[in-house]
């Protein structure tokens, strides 16, 4: 296995990032600095990243339904609930592909595959993320146009790729939204600029991966070939 691939599979780094770290001389193999990303790692080689020995991990891909109130990190001493309260330690180190804020719920993909994490998170790959949002009012055609054209907020241009009203009632609306960039708290910031209150926010899809019948706090495993990217 090439050293850059080994490093990507044994850490949170993407293959591109792993290559950069290797070229900077931050990786040792059997005690020697190796700067060639294509170096072939053998079965019993000892690979170290900044003094820490790495082991070849079995690739893991986990779909998790994050409940409301859970922080999207594995350790946070100030949070009542975090991902570590739901995902067993025996699965080893996995990392979330993107995050959901504490008051949002729904689909999270957890993996130890650094390359996949990078490709699904970086805006240049335009991975679709679908959300269902309950708001406290009806959504006008004018506001739908503004959401698609882009709304400026704090130096960012926030926009959605797709908007569809799923349900209307006297108490508000259920909206389906599609994003391809995913700036921090983007949906909540959009509705705040429109003067609309978000009652609930749930992510139901990332790329071709859907939440399905999972309930809050549940998870299930995927195979790499089930993730199209």
C-alpha atoms as a PDB file:
ATOM      1  CA  UNK A   1       0.000   0.000   0.000  1.00  0.00           C
ATOM      2  CA  UNK A   2       1.293   3.473  -0.864  1.00  0.00           C
ATOM      3  CA  UNK A   3       2.251   5.587   2.143  1.00  0.00           C
ATOM      4  CA  UNK A   4      -0.243   8.356   1.303  1.00  0.00           C
ATOM      5  CA  UNK A   5      -3.081   5.798   1.149  1.00  0.00           C
ATOM      6  CA  UNK A   6      -1.954   4.200   4.425  1.00  0.00           C
ATOM      7  CA  UNK A   7      -1.907   7.591   6.140  1.00  0.00           C
ATOM      8  CA  UNK A   8      -5.360   8.544   4.786  1.00  0.00           C
ATOM      9  CA  UNK A   9      -6.818   5.270   6.051  1.00  0.00           C
ATOM     10  CA  UNK A  10      -5.151   5.565   9.452  1.00  0.00           C
ATOM     11  CA  UNK A  11      -6.021   9.190  10.247  1.00  0.00           C
ATOM     12  CA  UNK A  12      -8.548  11.935   9.542  1.00  0.00           C
ATOM     13  CA  UNK A  13      -6.432  13.241   6.630  1.00  0.00           C
ATOM     14  CA  UNK A  14      -7.468  13.066   2.992  1.00  0.00           C
ATOM     15  CA  UNK A  15      -5.056  11.482   0.528  1.00  0.00           C
ATOM     16  CA  UNK A  16      -4.072  14.928  -0.762  1.00  0.00           C
ATOM     17  CA  UNK A  17      -3.430  16.222   2.755  1.00  0.00           C
ATOM     18  CA  UNK A  18      -1.498  13.053   3.616  1.00  0.00           C
ATOM     19  CA  UNK A  19       0.734  13.622   0.579  1.00  0.00           C
ATOM     20  CA  UNK A  20       1.506  17.159   1.754  1.00  0.00           C
ATOM     21  CA  UNK A  21       2.419  15.982   5.261  1.00  0.00           C
ATOM     22  CA  UNK A  22       4.698  13.302   3.814  1.00  0.00           C
ATOM     23  CA  UNK A  23       6.512  15.759   1.523  1.00  0.00           C
ATOM     24  CA  UNK A  24       7.096  18.058   4.518  1.00  0.00           C
ATOM     25  CA  UNK A  25       8.972  15.238   6.277  1.00  0.00           C
ATOM     26  CA  UNK A  26       6.460  14.694   9.072  1.00  0.00           C
ATOM     27  CA  UNK A  27       6.131  10.934   8.553  1.00  0.00           C
ATOM     28  CA  UNK A  28       8.583   8.261   9.614  1.00  0.00           C
ATOM     29  CA  UNK A  29       8.720   4.630   8.494  1.00  0.00           C
ATOM     30  CA  UNK A  30      10.781   2.339  10.719  1.00  0.00           C
ATOM     31  CA  UNK A  31      12.355   5.397  12.351  1.00  0.00           C
ATOM     32  CA  UNK A  32      13.353   7.105   9.097  1.00  0.00           C
ATOM     33  CA  UNK A  33      11.731  10.160   7.524  1.00  0.00           C
ATOM     34  CA  UNK A  34      10.093   9.277   4.199  1.00  0.00           C
ATOM     35  CA  UNK A  35       9.109  12.094   1.825  1.00  0.00           C
ATOM     36  CA  UNK A  36       7.803   9.966  -1.036  1.00  0.00           C
ATOM     37  CA  UNK A  37       3.974   9.578  -0.953  1.00  0.00           C
ATOM     38  CA  UNK A  38       4.263   6.544  -3.257  1.00  0.00           C
ATOM     39  CA  UNK A  39       6.575   4.666  -0.874  1.00  0.00           C
ATOM     40  CA  UNK A  40       5.253   1.117  -0.485  1.00  0.00           C
ATOM     41  CA  UNK A  41       4.382   0.296   3.124  1.00  0.00           C
ATOM     42  CA  UNK A  42       4.967  -3.363   3.957  1.00  0.00           C
ATOM     43  CA  UNK A  43       2.960  -5.433   6.414  1.00  0.00           C
ATOM     44  CA  UNK A  44       5.303  -5.085   9.401  1.00  0.00           C
ATOM     45  CA  UNK A  45       6.535  -1.525   8.798  1.00  0.00           C
ATOM     46  CA  UNK A  46       6.149   0.916  11.690  1.00  0.00           C
ATOM     47  CA  UNK A  47       4.629   4.187  10.462  1.00  0.00           C
ATOM     48  CA  UNK A  48       4.722   7.251  12.731  1.00  0.00           C
ATOM     49  CA  UNK A  49       2.866  10.541  12.325  1.00  0.00           C
ATOM     50  CA  UNK A  50       4.383  13.293  14.490  1.00  0.00           C
ATOM     51  CA  UNK A  51       5.705  10.705  16.935  1.00  0.00           C
ATOM     52  CA  UNK A  52       2.526   8.623  17.144  1.00  0.00           C
ATOM     53  CA  UNK A  53       2.498   5.093  15.738  1.00  0.00           C
ATOM     54  CA  UNK A  54      -0.300   4.430  13.250  1.00  0.00           C
ATOM     55  CA  UNK A  55      -2.013   1.138  12.546  1.00  0.00           C
ATOM     56  CA  UNK A  56      -3.836   0.126   9.413  1.00  0.00           C
ATOM     57  CA  UNK A  57      -7.536   0.459  10.199  1.00  0.00           C
ATOM     58  CA  UNK A  58     -10.387  -1.431   8.642  1.00  0.00           C
ATOM     59  CA  UNK A  59     -12.429   1.161   6.716  1.00  0.00           C
ATOM     60  CA  UNK A  60     -15.686   1.939   8.512  1.00  0.00           C
ATOM     61  CA  UNK A  61     -18.743   3.762   7.171  1.00  0.00           C
ATOM     62  CA  UNK A  62     -21.540   4.436   9.659  1.00  0.00           C
ATOM     63  CA  UNK A  63     -24.876   6.210   9.175  1.00  0.00           C
ATOM     64  CA  UNK A  64     -26.006   7.835  12.424  1.00  0.00           C
ATOM     65  CA  UNK A  65     -29.287   9.591  13.232  1.00  0.00           C
ATOM     66  CA  UNK A  66     -28.160  12.470  15.451  1.00  0.00           C
ATOM     67  CA  UNK A  67     -30.875  13.483  17.917  1.00  0.00           C
ATOM     68  CA  UNK A  68     -31.598  17.085  18.869  1.00  0.00           C
ATOM     69  CA  UNK A  69     -29.398  18.177  21.784  1.00  0.00           C
ATOM     70  CA  UNK A  70     -26.357  16.117  20.782  1.00  0.00           C
ATOM     71  CA  UNK A  71     -23.111  17.927  19.896  1.00  0.00           C
ATOM     72  CA  UNK A  72     -21.422  16.690  16.680  1.00  0.00           C
ATOM     73  CA  UNK A  73     -18.067  15.802  18.275  1.00  0.00           C
ATOM     74  CA  UNK A  74     -16.911  12.730  20.180  1.00  0.00           C
ATOM     75  CA  UNK A  75     -15.643  14.531  23.259  1.00  0.00           C
ATOM     76  CA  UNK A  76     -16.905  17.768  24.779  1.00  0.00           C
ATOM     77  CA  UNK A  77     -16.790  18.114  28.559  1.00  0.00           C
ATOM     78  CA  UNK A  78     -19.285  20.973  28.434  1.00  0.00           C
ATOM     79  CA  UNK A  79     -21.909  19.060  26.411  1.00  0.00           C
ATOM     80  CA  UNK A  80     -24.581  16.903  28.019  1.00  0.00           C
ATOM     81  CA  UNK A  81     -24.553  14.552  25.030  1.00  0.00           C
ATOM     82  CA  UNK A  82     -22.042  14.019  22.218  1.00  0.00           C
ATOM     83  CA  UNK A  83     -21.369  11.408  19.534  1.00  0.00           C
ATOM     84  CA  UNK A  84     -19.238   9.377  21.944  1.00  0.00           C
ATOM     85  CA  UNK A  85     -22.357   8.610  23.979  1.00  0.00           C
ATOM     86  CA  UNK A  86     -23.827   6.659  21.041  1.00  0.00           C
ATOM     87  CA  UNK A  87     -20.940   5.152  19.050  1.00  0.00           C
ATOM     88  CA  UNK A  88     -19.060   2.327  20.866  1.00  0.00           C
ATOM     89  CA  UNK A  89     -15.320   2.838  21.402  1.00  0.00           C
ATOM     90  CA  UNK A  90     -14.664  -0.651  20.009  1.00  0.00           C
ATOM     91  CA  UNK A  91     -15.236   0.720  16.500  1.00  0.00           C
ATOM     92  CA  UNK A  92     -12.081   2.817  16.905  1.00  0.00           C
ATOM     93  CA  UNK A  93     -11.634   6.391  15.731  1.00  0.00           C
ATOM     94  CA  UNK A  94     -14.193   7.592  13.223  1.00  0.00           C
ATOM     95  CA  UNK A  95     -14.845  11.181  12.188  1.00  0.00           C
ATOM     96  CA  UNK A  96     -18.041  12.973  11.174  1.00  0.00           C
ATOM     97  CA  UNK A  97     -18.367  14.062   7.545  1.00  0.00           C
ATOM     98  CA  UNK A  98     -19.533  17.609   8.247  1.00  0.00           C
ATOM     99  CA  UNK A  99     -21.567  18.546  11.292  1.00  0.00           C
ATOM    100  CA  UNK A 100     -25.065  19.353  12.456  1.00  0.00           C
ATOM    101  CA  UNK A 101     -25.611  22.014  15.085  1.00  0.00           C
ATOM    102  CA  UNK A 102     -26.850  21.001  18.526  1.00  0.00           C
ATOM    103  CA  UNK A 103     -30.496  21.943  17.828  1.00  0.00           C
ATOM    104  CA  UNK A 104     -30.653  20.099  14.481  1.00  0.00           C
ATOM    105  CA  UNK A 105     -31.096  16.373  13.921  1.00  0.00           C
ATOM    106  CA  UNK A 106     -30.808  13.748  11.234  1.00  0.00           C
ATOM    107  CA  UNK A 107     -28.258  12.021   9.053  1.00  0.00           C
ATOM    108  CA  UNK A 108     -24.559  12.039   9.841  1.00  0.00           C
ATOM    109  CA  UNK A 109     -21.938   9.919   8.083  1.00  0.00           C
ATOM    110  CA  UNK A 110     -19.081   8.753  10.319  1.00  0.00           C
ATOM    111  CA  UNK A 111     -15.939   7.205   8.842  1.00  0.00           C
ATOM    112  CA  UNK A 112     -12.210   6.627   9.312  1.00  0.00           C
ATOM    113  CA  UNK A 113     -11.651   7.009   5.546  1.00  0.00           C
ATOM    114  CA  UNK A 114      -9.899  10.373   5.273  1.00  0.00           C
ATOM    115  CA  UNK A 115     -10.133  10.497   1.484  1.00  0.00           C
ATOM    116  CA  UNK A 116     -13.911   9.938   1.473  1.00  0.00           C
ATOM    117  CA  UNK A 117     -14.360  12.460   4.277  1.00  0.00           C
ATOM    118  CA  UNK A 118     -12.502  15.088   2.224  1.00  0.00           C
ATOM    119  CA  UNK A 119     -14.382  14.389  -1.011  1.00  0.00           C
ATOM    120  CA  UNK A 120     -17.803  14.510   0.672  1.00  0.00           C
ATOM    121  CA  UNK A 121     -17.012  17.656   2.673  1.00  0.00           C
ATOM    122  CA  UNK A 122     -15.196  19.909   0.197  1.00  0.00           C
ATOM    123  CA  UNK A 123     -17.463  22.361  -1.700  1.00  0.00           C
ATOM    124  CA  UNK A 124     -15.717  21.729  -5.037  1.00  0.00           C
ATOM    125  CA  UNK A 125     -17.254  18.239  -5.242  1.00  0.00           C
ATOM    126  CA  UNK A 126     -20.806  19.664  -4.962  1.00  0.00           C
ATOM    127  CA  UNK A 127     -22.176  16.800  -2.857  1.00  0.00           C
ATOM    128  CA  UNK A 128     -25.910  17.309  -2.363  1.00  0.00           C
ATOM    129  CA  UNK A 129     -27.300  17.530   1.164  1.00  0.00           C
ATOM    130  CA  UNK A 130     -31.066  17.422   1.610  1.00  0.00           C
ATOM    131  CA  UNK A 131     -32.918  18.854   4.619  1.00  0.00           C
ATOM    132  CA  UNK A 132     -36.481  18.996   5.872  1.00  0.00           C
ATOM    133  CA  UNK A 133     -37.195  22.251   7.691  1.00  0.00           C
ATOM    134  CA  UNK A 134     -40.290  23.289   9.638  1.00  0.00           C
ATOM    135  CA  UNK A 135     -40.879  27.047   9.681  1.00  0.00           C
ATOM    136  CA  UNK A 136     -43.470  29.199  11.452  1.00  0.00           C
ATOM    137  CA  UNK A 137     -45.076  30.696   8.354  1.00  0.00           C
ATOM    138  CA  UNK A 138     -45.794  30.186   4.663  1.00  0.00           C
ATOM    139  CA  UNK A 139     -42.924  30.617   2.215  1.00  0.00           C
ATOM    140  CA  UNK A 140     -43.568  33.204  -0.487  1.00  0.00           C
ATOM    141  CA  UNK A 141     -42.415  32.905  -4.097  1.00  0.00           C
ATOM    142  CA  UNK A 142     -40.315  36.022  -3.534  1.00  0.00           C
ATOM    143  CA  UNK A 143     -38.434  34.409  -0.651  1.00  0.00           C
ATOM    144  CA  UNK A 144     -37.930  31.217  -2.650  1.00  0.00           C
ATOM    145  CA  UNK A 145     -36.313  33.287  -5.431  1.00  0.00           C
ATOM    146  CA  UNK A 146     -34.073  35.054  -2.914  1.00  0.00           C
ATOM    147  CA  UNK A 147     -32.965  31.723  -1.448  1.00  0.00           C
ATOM    148  CA  UNK A 148     -32.004  30.409  -4.888  1.00  0.00           C
ATOM    149  CA  UNK A 149     -30.326  33.617  -6.070  1.00  0.00           C
ATOM    150  CA  UNK A 150     -28.299  34.016  -2.874  1.00  0.00           C
ATOM    151  CA  UNK A 151     -28.510  36.027   0.338  1.00  0.00           C
ATOM    152  CA  UNK A 152     -25.511  37.944   1.709  1.00  0.00           C
ATOM    153  CA  UNK A 153     -24.702  37.381   5.378  1.00  0.00           C
ATOM    154  CA  UNK A 154     -21.465  38.240   7.137  1.00  0.00           C
ATOM    155  CA  UNK A 155     -19.483  38.272   3.892  1.00  0.00           C
ATOM    156  CA  UNK A 156     -20.912  34.914   2.734  1.00  0.00           C
ATOM    157  CA  UNK A 157     -23.371  34.373  -0.098  1.00  0.00           C
ATOM    158  CA  UNK A 158     -25.868  31.806   1.152  1.00  0.00           C
ATOM    159  CA  UNK A 159     -28.013  29.990  -1.385  1.00  0.00           C
ATOM    160  CA  UNK A 160     -29.968  26.794  -1.870  1.00  0.00           C
ATOM    161  CA  UNK A 161     -30.004  24.667  -4.997  1.00  0.00           C
ATOM    162  CA  UNK A 162     -33.604  23.536  -4.638  1.00  0.00           C
ATOM    163  CA  UNK A 163     -36.668  24.482  -2.570  1.00  0.00           C
ATOM    164  CA  UNK A 164     -39.963  22.600  -2.337  1.00  0.00           C
ATOM    165  CA  UNK A 165     -42.919  23.091  -0.003  1.00  0.00           C
ATOM    166  CA  UNK A 166     -43.957  19.678   1.328  1.00  0.00           C
ATOM    167  CA  UNK A 167     -46.803  20.712   3.640  1.00  0.00           C
ATOM    168  CA  UNK A 168     -48.739  23.856   4.552  1.00  0.00           C
ATOM    169  CA  UNK A 169     -50.837  24.503   7.626  1.00  0.00           C
ATOM    170  CA  UNK A 170     -52.068  27.327   9.839  1.00  0.00           C
ATOM    171  CA  UNK A 171     -49.046  26.719  12.070  1.00  0.00           C
ATOM    172  CA  UNK A 172     -46.440  26.999   9.294  1.00  0.00           C
ATOM    173  CA  UNK A 173     -44.815  24.925   6.554  1.00  0.00           C
ATOM    174  CA  UNK A 174     -42.580  21.915   6.030  1.00  0.00           C
ATOM    175  CA  UNK A 175     -39.904  22.713   3.444  1.00  0.00           C
ATOM    176  CA  UNK A 176     -37.445  20.490   1.557  1.00  0.00           C
ATOM    177  CA  UNK A 177     -34.100  22.181   0.809  1.00  0.00           C
ATOM    178  CA  UNK A 178     -31.047  21.086  -1.153  1.00  0.00           C
ATOM    179  CA  UNK A 179     -27.543  22.476  -0.489  1.00  0.00           C
ATOM    180  CA  UNK A 180     -24.233  21.723  -2.167  1.00  0.00           C
ATOM    181  CA  UNK A 181     -21.851  23.853  -0.087  1.00  0.00           C
ATOM    182  CA  UNK A 182     -22.944  23.705   3.535  1.00  0.00           C
ATOM    183  CA  UNK A 183     -21.501  26.811   5.143  1.00  0.00           C
ATOM    184  CA  UNK A 184     -21.747  26.959   8.937  1.00  0.00           C
ATOM    185  CA  UNK A 185     -25.408  27.096  10.098  1.00  0.00           C
ATOM    186  CA  UNK A 186     -26.324  28.079   6.529  1.00  0.00           C
ATOM    187  CA  UNK A 187     -30.032  27.201   6.611  1.00  0.00           C
ATOM    188  CA  UNK A 188     -30.682  28.906   9.938  1.00  0.00           C
ATOM    189  CA  UNK A 189     -28.820  32.007   8.738  1.00  0.00           C
ATOM    190  CA  UNK A 190     -30.877  32.122   5.512  1.00  0.00           C
ATOM    191  CA  UNK A 191     -34.196  32.011   7.337  1.00  0.00           C
ATOM    192  CA  UNK A 192     -33.020  34.532   9.918  1.00  0.00           C
ATOM    193  CA  UNK A 193     -32.227  36.984   7.104  1.00  0.00           C
ATOM    194  CA  UNK A 194     -35.750  36.384   5.745  1.00  0.00           C
ATOM    195  CA  UNK A 195     -37.257  37.044   9.181  1.00  0.00           C
ATOM    196  CA  UNK A 196     -38.594  33.478   9.429  1.00  0.00           C
ATOM    197  CA  UNK A 197     -38.294  31.261  12.526  1.00  0.00           C
ATOM    198  CA  UNK A 198     -36.989  27.704  12.120  1.00  0.00           C
ATOM    199  CA  UNK A 199     -38.989  25.299  14.295  1.00  0.00           C
ATOM    200  CA  UNK A 200     -37.015  22.158  13.421  1.00  0.00           C
ATOM    201  CA  UNK A 201     -34.279  21.112  11.022  1.00  0.00           C
ATOM    202  CA  UNK A 202     -33.490  17.554   9.925  1.00  0.00           C
ATOM    203  CA  UNK A 203     -30.937  16.311   7.382  1.00  0.00           C
ATOM    204  CA  UNK A 204     -32.338  13.360   5.438  1.00  0.00           C
ATOM    205  CA  UNK A 205     -29.743  12.762   2.701  1.00  0.00           C
ATOM    206  CA  UNK A 206     -26.043  13.181   1.871  1.00  0.00           C
ATOM    207  CA  UNK A 207     -25.267  12.314  -1.764  1.00  0.00           C
ATOM    208  CA  UNK A 208     -26.977   8.971  -2.398  1.00  0.00           C
ATOM    209  CA  UNK A 209     -27.111   8.083   1.328  1.00  0.00           C
ATOM    210  CA  UNK A 210     -30.516   8.419   2.958  1.00  0.00           C
ATOM    211  CA  UNK A 211     -31.566   8.394   6.593  1.00  0.00           C
ATOM    212  CA  UNK A 212     -34.168   5.739   5.866  1.00  0.00           C
ATOM    213  CA  UNK A 213     -35.953   4.133   8.810  1.00  0.00           C
ATOM    214  CA  UNK A 214     -33.359   4.914  11.458  1.00  0.00           C
ATOM    215  CA  UNK A 215     -34.668   6.448  14.667  1.00  0.00           C
ATOM    216  CA  UNK A 216     -32.882   9.138  16.709  1.00  0.00           C
ATOM    217  CA  UNK A 217     -29.769   7.669  18.322  1.00  0.00           C
ATOM    218  CA  UNK A 218     -29.625   4.617  16.012  1.00  0.00           C
ATOM    219  CA  UNK A 219     -26.883   3.785  13.508  1.00  0.00           C
ATOM    220  CA  UNK A 220     -26.083   1.222  10.850  1.00  0.00           C
ATOM    221  CA  UNK A 221     -23.062   0.268   8.751  1.00  0.00           C
ATOM    222  CA  UNK A 222     -22.515   0.766   5.037  1.00  0.00           C
ATOM    223  CA  UNK A 223     -20.105  -0.809   2.587  1.00  0.00           C
ATOM    224  CA  UNK A 224     -17.851   1.498   0.567  1.00  0.00           C
ATOM    225  CA  UNK A 225     -19.473   0.410  -2.691  1.00  0.00           C
ATOM    226  CA  UNK A 226     -22.825   1.678  -1.390  1.00  0.00           C
ATOM    227  CA  UNK A 227     -21.482   5.246  -1.354  1.00  0.00           C
ATOM    228  CA  UNK A 228     -21.437   6.715  -4.847  1.00  0.00           C
ATOM    229  CA  UNK A 229     -18.840   9.450  -5.222  1.00  0.00           C
END
